[in-house]
Amino acid sequence: MTTERVNPPELSPPTGFSHAVVATGSRVVFLAGQTALDQDGKVTGDTLTEQFATALGNLLTALRAAGGTPADLARVTVYATDVAAYRTEAGRLGHVWRELAGRDYPAMAVVQVVRLWDERALVELDGFAVLP
């Protein structure tokens, strides 16, 4: 797969995401929403950063099981129950992202939701990847 991150100079410089990703490959992997669930189906972590790390790890586990890598991610949507808290934690969340997924940022959006499926969940990530 090849990806080209497109960040036009006419737009605000992106921080932790790409404005557009052009992906060429032969397989598209759609990744279901992942929260901070452990193998027993229990939400782990009390803070947004802890839950984000587990949710991202779960998303990447599903991606790897499908044959992909973090660089193959073309799009990720983050659903947060508190966008103000997400913005406050953005530096820590960015560090977690870089540690787990690297610096090949997909196109992203953060959306505030009233609640997630599990009442304890603070964040959920879904997305898709394009594989060779």
N, C-alpha and C. Protein backbone atom coordinates (compact mmCIF):
# COMPACT_ATOMS: atom_id res chain seq x y z
N MET A 1 0.83 -1.17 0.00
CA MET A 1 0.00 0.00 0.00
C MET A 1 0.87 1.24 0.00
N THR A 2 0.38 2.26 -0.65
CA THR A 2 1.06 3.54 -0.57
C THR A 2 0.08 4.55 0.00
N THR A 3 0.61 5.46 0.78
CA THR A 3 -0.21 6.54 1.30
C THR A 3 0.50 7.86 1.08
N GLU A 4 -0.29 8.84 0.82
CA GLU A 4 0.23 10.19 0.68
C GLU A 4 -0.57 11.06 1.64
N ARG A 5 0.09 11.68 2.58
CA ARG A 5 -0.56 12.61 3.50
C ARG A 5 -0.58 13.98 2.84
N VAL A 6 -1.76 14.56 2.75
CA VAL A 6 -1.95 15.84 2.06
C VAL A 6 -2.34 16.89 3.09
N ASN A 7 -1.51 17.89 3.24
CA ASN A 7 -1.75 18.97 4.18
C ASN A 7 -1.51 20.30 3.48
N PRO A 8 -2.55 20.81 2.79
CA PRO A 8 -2.40 22.03 2.00
C PRO A 8 -1.98 23.22 2.85
N PRO A 9 -1.09 24.06 2.32
CA PRO A 9 -0.64 25.23 3.07
C PRO A 9 -1.76 26.24 3.31
N GLU A 10 -2.87 26.14 2.56
CA GLU A 10 -3.99 27.06 2.74
C GLU A 10 -4.79 26.74 4.01
N LEU A 11 -4.57 25.55 4.59
CA LEU A 11 -5.29 25.14 5.80
C LEU A 11 -4.39 25.29 7.02
N SER A 12 -5.00 25.39 8.17
CA SER A 12 -4.24 25.46 9.42
C SER A 12 -3.34 24.24 9.53
N PRO A 13 -2.10 24.41 9.99
CA PRO A 13 -1.20 23.26 10.11
C PRO A 13 -1.81 22.19 11.03
N PRO A 14 -1.84 20.94 10.60
CA PRO A 14 -2.43 19.88 11.43
C PRO A 14 -1.50 19.50 12.57
N THR A 15 -2.09 19.17 13.69
CA THR A 15 -1.35 18.69 14.85
C THR A 15 -1.93 17.34 15.24
N GLY A 16 -1.20 16.27 14.98
CA GLY A 16 -1.66 14.95 15.35
C GLY A 16 -2.66 14.32 14.41
N PHE A 17 -2.80 14.87 13.21
CA PHE A 17 -3.68 14.30 12.19
C PHE A 17 -3.23 14.81 10.84
N SER A 18 -3.77 14.25 9.78
CA SER A 18 -3.53 14.75 8.43
C SER A 18 -4.86 15.25 7.88
N HIS A 19 -4.82 16.31 7.07
CA HIS A 19 -6.06 16.83 6.49
C HIS A 19 -6.66 15.83 5.51
N ALA A 20 -5.83 15.15 4.77
CA ALA A 20 -6.32 14.14 3.82
C ALA A 20 -5.26 13.06 3.67
N VAL A 21 -5.72 11.87 3.38
CA VAL A 21 -4.82 10.75 3.14
C VAL A 21 -5.27 10.08 1.85
N VAL A 22 -4.38 10.03 0.87
CA VAL A 22 -4.65 9.31 -0.37
C VAL A 22 -4.00 7.95 -0.21
N ALA A 23 -4.83 6.90 -0.22
CA ALA A 23 -4.34 5.54 0.00
C ALA A 23 -4.62 4.69 -1.23
N THR A 24 -3.59 3.98 -1.67
CA THR A 24 -3.73 3.08 -2.80
C THR A 24 -3.32 1.69 -2.34
N GLY A 25 -4.20 0.74 -2.52
CA GLY A 25 -3.92 -0.63 -2.11
C GLY A 25 -5.01 -1.54 -2.64
N SER A 26 -4.98 -2.78 -2.18
CA SER A 26 -5.95 -3.73 -2.72
C SER A 26 -6.95 -4.23 -1.69
N ARG A 27 -6.75 -3.89 -0.40
CA ARG A 27 -7.67 -4.35 0.64
C ARG A 27 -8.02 -3.18 1.56
N VAL A 28 -9.29 -3.08 1.88
CA VAL A 28 -9.74 -2.08 2.84
C VAL A 28 -10.20 -2.83 4.09
N VAL A 29 -9.71 -2.41 5.24
CA VAL A 29 -10.08 -3.02 6.51
C VAL A 29 -10.89 -1.99 7.30
N PHE A 30 -12.13 -2.33 7.61
CA PHE A 30 -12.98 -1.47 8.42
C PHE A 30 -12.85 -1.93 9.87
N LEU A 31 -12.48 -1.01 10.74
CA LEU A 31 -12.21 -1.35 12.14
C LEU A 31 -13.37 -0.88 13.02
N ALA A 32 -13.94 -1.82 13.75
CA ALA A 32 -15.05 -1.51 14.64
C ALA A 32 -14.59 -0.60 15.78
N GLY A 33 -15.53 0.09 16.35
CA GLY A 33 -15.22 0.95 17.48
C GLY A 33 -14.62 0.16 18.63
N GLN A 34 -13.54 0.71 19.17
CA GLN A 34 -12.84 0.06 20.28
C GLN A 34 -12.80 1.02 21.47
N THR A 35 -13.16 0.48 22.63
CA THR A 35 -13.03 1.24 23.87
C THR A 35 -11.93 0.59 24.70
N ALA A 36 -11.88 0.92 25.97
CA ALA A 36 -10.82 0.41 26.85
C ALA A 36 -11.20 -0.93 27.48
N LEU A 37 -11.83 -1.80 26.71
CA LEU A 37 -12.21 -3.12 27.23
C LEU A 37 -11.01 -4.04 27.31
N ASP A 38 -10.95 -4.79 28.43
CA ASP A 38 -9.93 -5.84 28.54
C ASP A 38 -10.50 -7.13 27.95
N GLN A 39 -9.76 -8.21 28.03
CA GLN A 39 -10.20 -9.49 27.44
C GLN A 39 -11.46 -10.03 28.10
N ASP A 40 -11.77 -9.59 29.30
CA ASP A 40 -12.98 -10.03 30.01
C ASP A 40 -14.17 -9.12 29.73
N GLY A 41 -13.99 -8.11 28.87
CA GLY A 41 -15.08 -7.21 28.53
C GLY A 41 -15.34 -6.13 29.57
N LYS A 42 -14.35 -5.84 30.39
CA LYS A 42 -14.47 -4.81 31.42
C LYS A 42 -13.66 -3.58 31.02
N VAL A 43 -14.24 -2.40 31.22
CA VAL A 43 -13.52 -1.16 30.94
C VAL A 43 -12.42 -0.99 31.97
N THR A 44 -11.21 -0.72 31.48
CA THR A 44 -10.07 -0.50 32.37
C THR A 44 -9.61 0.95 32.26
N GLY A 45 -9.02 1.43 33.32
CA GLY A 45 -8.50 2.80 33.33
C GLY A 45 -9.54 3.77 33.83
N ASP A 46 -9.10 4.67 34.68
CA ASP A 46 -10.00 5.68 35.23
C ASP A 46 -9.89 7.02 34.54
N THR A 47 -8.78 7.25 33.82
CA THR A 47 -8.58 8.55 33.19
C THR A 47 -8.76 8.42 31.67
N LEU A 48 -8.99 9.54 31.06
CA LEU A 48 -9.12 9.59 29.61
C LEU A 48 -7.86 9.05 28.94
N THR A 49 -6.69 9.47 29.42
CA THR A 49 -5.44 9.03 28.81
C THR A 49 -5.27 7.52 28.94
N GLU A 50 -5.57 6.96 30.10
CA GLU A 50 -5.46 5.50 30.27
C GLU A 50 -6.41 4.77 29.33
N GLN A 51 -7.64 5.25 29.27
CA GLN A 51 -8.62 4.60 28.40
C GLN A 51 -8.26 4.77 26.92
N PHE A 52 -7.75 5.94 26.55
CA PHE A 52 -7.34 6.17 25.17
C PHE A 52 -6.25 5.19 24.77
N ALA A 53 -5.27 4.99 25.64
CA ALA A 53 -4.16 4.07 25.34
C ALA A 53 -4.68 2.66 25.12
N THR A 54 -5.60 2.21 25.95
CA THR A 54 -6.14 0.86 25.79
C THR A 54 -7.01 0.76 24.54
N ALA A 55 -7.85 1.77 24.30
CA ALA A 55 -8.71 1.75 23.11
C ALA A 55 -7.87 1.76 21.83
N LEU A 56 -6.84 2.60 21.78
CA LEU A 56 -5.96 2.62 20.61
C LEU A 56 -5.24 1.29 20.47
N GLY A 57 -4.76 0.74 21.58
CA GLY A 57 -4.11 -0.57 21.54
C GLY A 57 -5.05 -1.63 21.00
N ASN A 58 -6.31 -1.59 21.41
CA ASN A 58 -7.30 -2.55 20.91
C ASN A 58 -7.53 -2.37 19.41
N LEU A 59 -7.63 -1.12 18.95
CA LEU A 59 -7.81 -0.85 17.52
C LEU A 59 -6.63 -1.39 16.72
N LEU A 60 -5.42 -1.15 17.23
CA LEU A 60 -4.22 -1.62 16.53
C LEU A 60 -4.10 -3.14 16.58
N THR A 61 -4.57 -3.77 17.64
CA THR A 61 -4.58 -5.23 17.72
C THR A 61 -5.48 -5.80 16.63
N ALA A 62 -6.66 -5.22 16.46
CA ALA A 62 -7.58 -5.67 15.41
C ALA A 62 -6.95 -5.45 14.03
N LEU A 63 -6.31 -4.30 13.85
CA LEU A 63 -5.66 -4.00 12.57
C LEU A 63 -4.55 -4.99 12.27
N ARG A 64 -3.71 -5.26 13.25
CA ARG A 64 -2.61 -6.22 13.04
C ARG A 64 -3.15 -7.62 12.74
N ALA A 65 -4.24 -8.01 13.41
CA ALA A 65 -4.84 -9.32 13.16
C ALA A 65 -5.35 -9.44 11.73
N ALA A 66 -5.70 -8.29 11.14
CA ALA A 66 -6.16 -8.27 9.75
C ALA A 66 -5.00 -8.12 8.77
N GLY A 67 -3.77 -8.05 9.28
CA GLY A 67 -2.60 -7.97 8.42
C GLY A 67 -2.06 -6.57 8.21
N GLY A 68 -2.55 -5.60 8.96
CA GLY A 68 -2.12 -4.22 8.76
C GLY A 68 -1.18 -3.71 9.82
N THR A 69 -0.69 -2.50 9.61
CA THR A 69 0.18 -1.81 10.55
C THR A 69 -0.41 -0.41 10.79
N PRO A 70 0.03 0.28 11.83
CA PRO A 70 -0.47 1.63 12.06
C PRO A 70 -0.32 2.56 10.86
N ALA A 71 0.74 2.40 10.08
CA ALA A 71 0.95 3.26 8.90
C ALA A 71 -0.13 3.04 7.84
N ASP A 72 -0.87 1.94 7.92
CA ASP A 72 -1.93 1.65 6.95
C ASP A 72 -3.24 2.36 7.27
N LEU A 73 -3.33 2.95 8.47
CA LEU A 73 -4.56 3.65 8.84
C LEU A 73 -4.78 4.85 7.93
N ALA A 74 -5.96 4.91 7.34
CA ALA A 74 -6.30 6.04 6.48
C ALA A 74 -7.24 7.01 7.19
N ARG A 75 -8.07 6.49 8.09
CA ARG A 75 -9.07 7.33 8.76
C ARG A 75 -9.34 6.77 10.15
N VAL A 76 -9.40 7.65 11.14
CA VAL A 76 -9.78 7.28 12.51
C VAL A 76 -10.75 8.34 13.02
N THR A 77 -11.83 7.89 13.64
CA THR A 77 -12.75 8.80 14.32
C THR A 77 -12.67 8.51 15.81
N VAL A 78 -12.53 9.56 16.60
CA VAL A 78 -12.48 9.46 18.04
C VAL A 78 -13.80 10.00 18.58
N TYR A 79 -14.48 9.18 19.37
CA TYR A 79 -15.72 9.59 20.03
C TYR A 79 -15.38 9.79 21.50
N ALA A 80 -15.55 11.01 21.99
CA ALA A 80 -15.20 11.34 23.38
C ALA A 80 -16.44 11.84 24.09
N THR A 81 -16.57 11.45 25.36
CA THR A 81 -17.71 11.93 26.14
C THR A 81 -17.49 13.35 26.66
N ASP A 82 -16.27 13.86 26.54
CA ASP A 82 -15.96 15.21 27.01
C ASP A 82 -14.83 15.79 26.16
N VAL A 83 -15.20 16.55 25.13
CA VAL A 83 -14.19 17.11 24.23
C VAL A 83 -13.29 18.12 24.95
N ALA A 84 -13.82 18.84 25.92
CA ALA A 84 -12.98 19.78 26.67
C ALA A 84 -11.87 19.02 27.39
N ALA A 85 -12.20 17.90 28.00
CA ALA A 85 -11.17 17.07 28.65
C ALA A 85 -10.20 16.52 27.62
N TYR A 86 -10.71 16.14 26.45
CA TYR A 86 -9.85 15.64 25.37
C TYR A 86 -8.84 16.71 24.97
N ARG A 87 -9.30 17.93 24.81
CA ARG A 87 -8.40 19.04 24.44
C ARG A 87 -7.37 19.28 25.54
N THR A 88 -7.80 19.22 26.80
CA THR A 88 -6.89 19.40 27.92
C THR A 88 -5.80 18.33 27.92
N GLU A 89 -6.17 17.12 27.57
CA GLU A 89 -5.24 15.98 27.59
C GLU A 89 -4.53 15.77 26.24
N ALA A 90 -4.75 16.65 25.28
CA ALA A 90 -4.25 16.45 23.92
C ALA A 90 -2.76 16.13 23.87
N GLY A 91 -1.95 16.79 24.66
CA GLY A 91 -0.51 16.52 24.66
C GLY A 91 -0.21 15.09 25.08
N ARG A 92 -0.85 14.64 26.14
CA ARG A 92 -0.65 13.26 26.61
C ARG A 92 -1.19 12.25 25.60
N LEU A 93 -2.35 12.56 25.03
CA LEU A 93 -2.95 11.65 24.04
C LEU A 93 -2.06 11.56 22.80
N GLY A 94 -1.47 12.69 22.40
CA GLY A 94 -0.54 12.68 21.26
C GLY A 94 0.68 11.82 21.55
N HIS A 95 1.17 11.91 22.78
CA HIS A 95 2.32 11.08 23.17
C HIS A 95 1.95 9.60 23.09
N VAL A 96 0.77 9.24 23.59
CA VAL A 96 0.31 7.85 23.52
C VAL A 96 0.22 7.42 22.06
N TRP A 97 -0.36 8.28 21.21
CA TRP A 97 -0.50 7.93 19.79
C TRP A 97 0.87 7.65 19.18
N ARG A 98 1.80 8.56 19.37
CA ARG A 98 3.14 8.39 18.78
C ARG A 98 3.83 7.14 19.30
N GLU A 99 3.65 6.84 20.58
CA GLU A 99 4.27 5.66 21.18
C GLU A 99 3.69 4.37 20.58
N LEU A 100 2.38 4.34 20.36
CA LEU A 100 1.74 3.11 19.88
C LEU A 100 1.63 3.02 18.36
N ALA A 101 1.43 4.16 17.70
CA ALA A 101 1.12 4.14 16.27
C ALA A 101 2.13 4.87 15.41
N GLY A 102 3.05 5.62 16.00
CA GLY A 102 4.04 6.34 15.21
C GLY A 102 3.55 7.70 14.77
N ARG A 103 4.20 8.22 13.74
CA ARG A 103 3.91 9.59 13.29
C ARG A 103 3.24 9.65 11.92
N ASP A 104 2.81 8.52 11.39
CA ASP A 104 2.06 8.52 10.14
C ASP A 104 0.59 8.72 10.48
N TYR A 105 0.18 9.98 10.62
CA TYR A 105 -1.15 10.28 11.11
C TYR A 105 -2.21 10.09 10.02
N PRO A 106 -3.32 9.45 10.37
CA PRO A 106 -4.43 9.32 9.43
C PRO A 106 -5.26 10.61 9.42
N ALA A 107 -6.21 10.67 8.52
CA ALA A 107 -7.23 11.71 8.61
C ALA A 107 -8.05 11.38 9.85
N MET A 108 -8.35 12.39 10.66
CA MET A 108 -9.03 12.13 11.93
C MET A 108 -10.11 13.17 12.21
N ALA A 109 -11.04 12.75 13.06
CA ALA A 109 -12.04 13.66 13.61
C ALA A 109 -12.28 13.26 15.06
N VAL A 110 -12.57 14.24 15.89
CA VAL A 110 -12.97 13.99 17.27
C VAL A 110 -14.40 14.50 17.41
N VAL A 111 -15.27 13.63 17.90
CA VAL A 111 -16.69 13.94 18.02
C VAL A 111 -17.11 13.74 19.48
N GLN A 112 -17.80 14.72 20.03
CA GLN A 112 -18.32 14.53 21.39
C GLN A 112 -19.65 13.79 21.32
N VAL A 113 -19.80 12.82 22.21
CA VAL A 113 -21.04 12.04 22.30
C VAL A 113 -21.56 12.13 23.73
N VAL A 114 -22.85 11.90 23.89
CA VAL A 114 -23.46 11.96 25.21
C VAL A 114 -22.92 10.84 26.09
N ARG A 115 -22.86 9.63 25.51
CA ARG A 115 -22.29 8.49 26.21
C ARG A 115 -21.96 7.41 25.21
N LEU A 116 -21.19 6.44 25.67
CA LEU A 116 -20.82 5.31 24.82
C LEU A 116 -21.56 4.07 25.32
N TRP A 117 -21.40 2.96 24.60
CA TRP A 117 -22.14 1.74 24.92
C TRP A 117 -21.97 1.35 26.39
N ASP A 118 -20.74 1.33 26.86
CA ASP A 118 -20.47 1.05 28.26
C ASP A 118 -20.41 2.38 29.00
N GLU A 119 -21.17 2.53 30.05
CA GLU A 119 -21.25 3.80 30.77
C GLU A 119 -19.91 4.28 31.32
N ARG A 120 -18.98 3.38 31.60
CA ARG A 120 -17.67 3.77 32.13
C ARG A 120 -16.72 4.26 31.05
N ALA A 121 -17.02 3.96 29.79
CA ALA A 121 -16.13 4.32 28.69
C ALA A 121 -16.13 5.83 28.47
N LEU A 122 -14.94 6.39 28.36
CA LEU A 122 -14.76 7.83 28.12
C LEU A 122 -14.43 8.13 26.67
N VAL A 123 -13.95 7.11 25.93
CA VAL A 123 -13.48 7.33 24.57
C VAL A 123 -13.62 6.04 23.76
N GLU A 124 -13.88 6.20 22.47
CA GLU A 124 -13.97 5.07 21.55
C GLU A 124 -13.33 5.50 20.23
N LEU A 125 -12.60 4.58 19.60
CA LEU A 125 -11.96 4.86 18.31
C LEU A 125 -12.41 3.83 17.29
N ASP A 126 -12.73 4.30 16.09
CA ASP A 126 -12.95 3.39 14.98
C ASP A 126 -12.22 3.95 13.76
N GLY A 127 -12.18 3.19 12.69
CA GLY A 127 -11.49 3.69 11.52
C GLY A 127 -11.42 2.68 10.40
N PHE A 128 -10.63 3.03 9.40
CA PHE A 128 -10.35 2.06 8.34
C PHE A 128 -8.92 2.21 7.85
N ALA A 129 -8.44 1.14 7.31
CA ALA A 129 -7.07 1.08 6.80
C ALA A 129 -7.10 0.53 5.39
N VAL A 130 -6.09 0.87 4.62
CA VAL A 130 -5.92 0.34 3.27
C VAL A 130 -4.61 -0.44 3.24
N LEU A 131 -4.72 -1.73 2.92
CA LEU A 131 -3.57 -2.62 2.91
C LEU A 131 -3.15 -2.95 1.48
N PRO A 132 -1.88 -3.36 1.31
CA PRO A 132 -1.41 -3.73 -0.03
C PRO A 132 -2.21 -4.89 -0.61
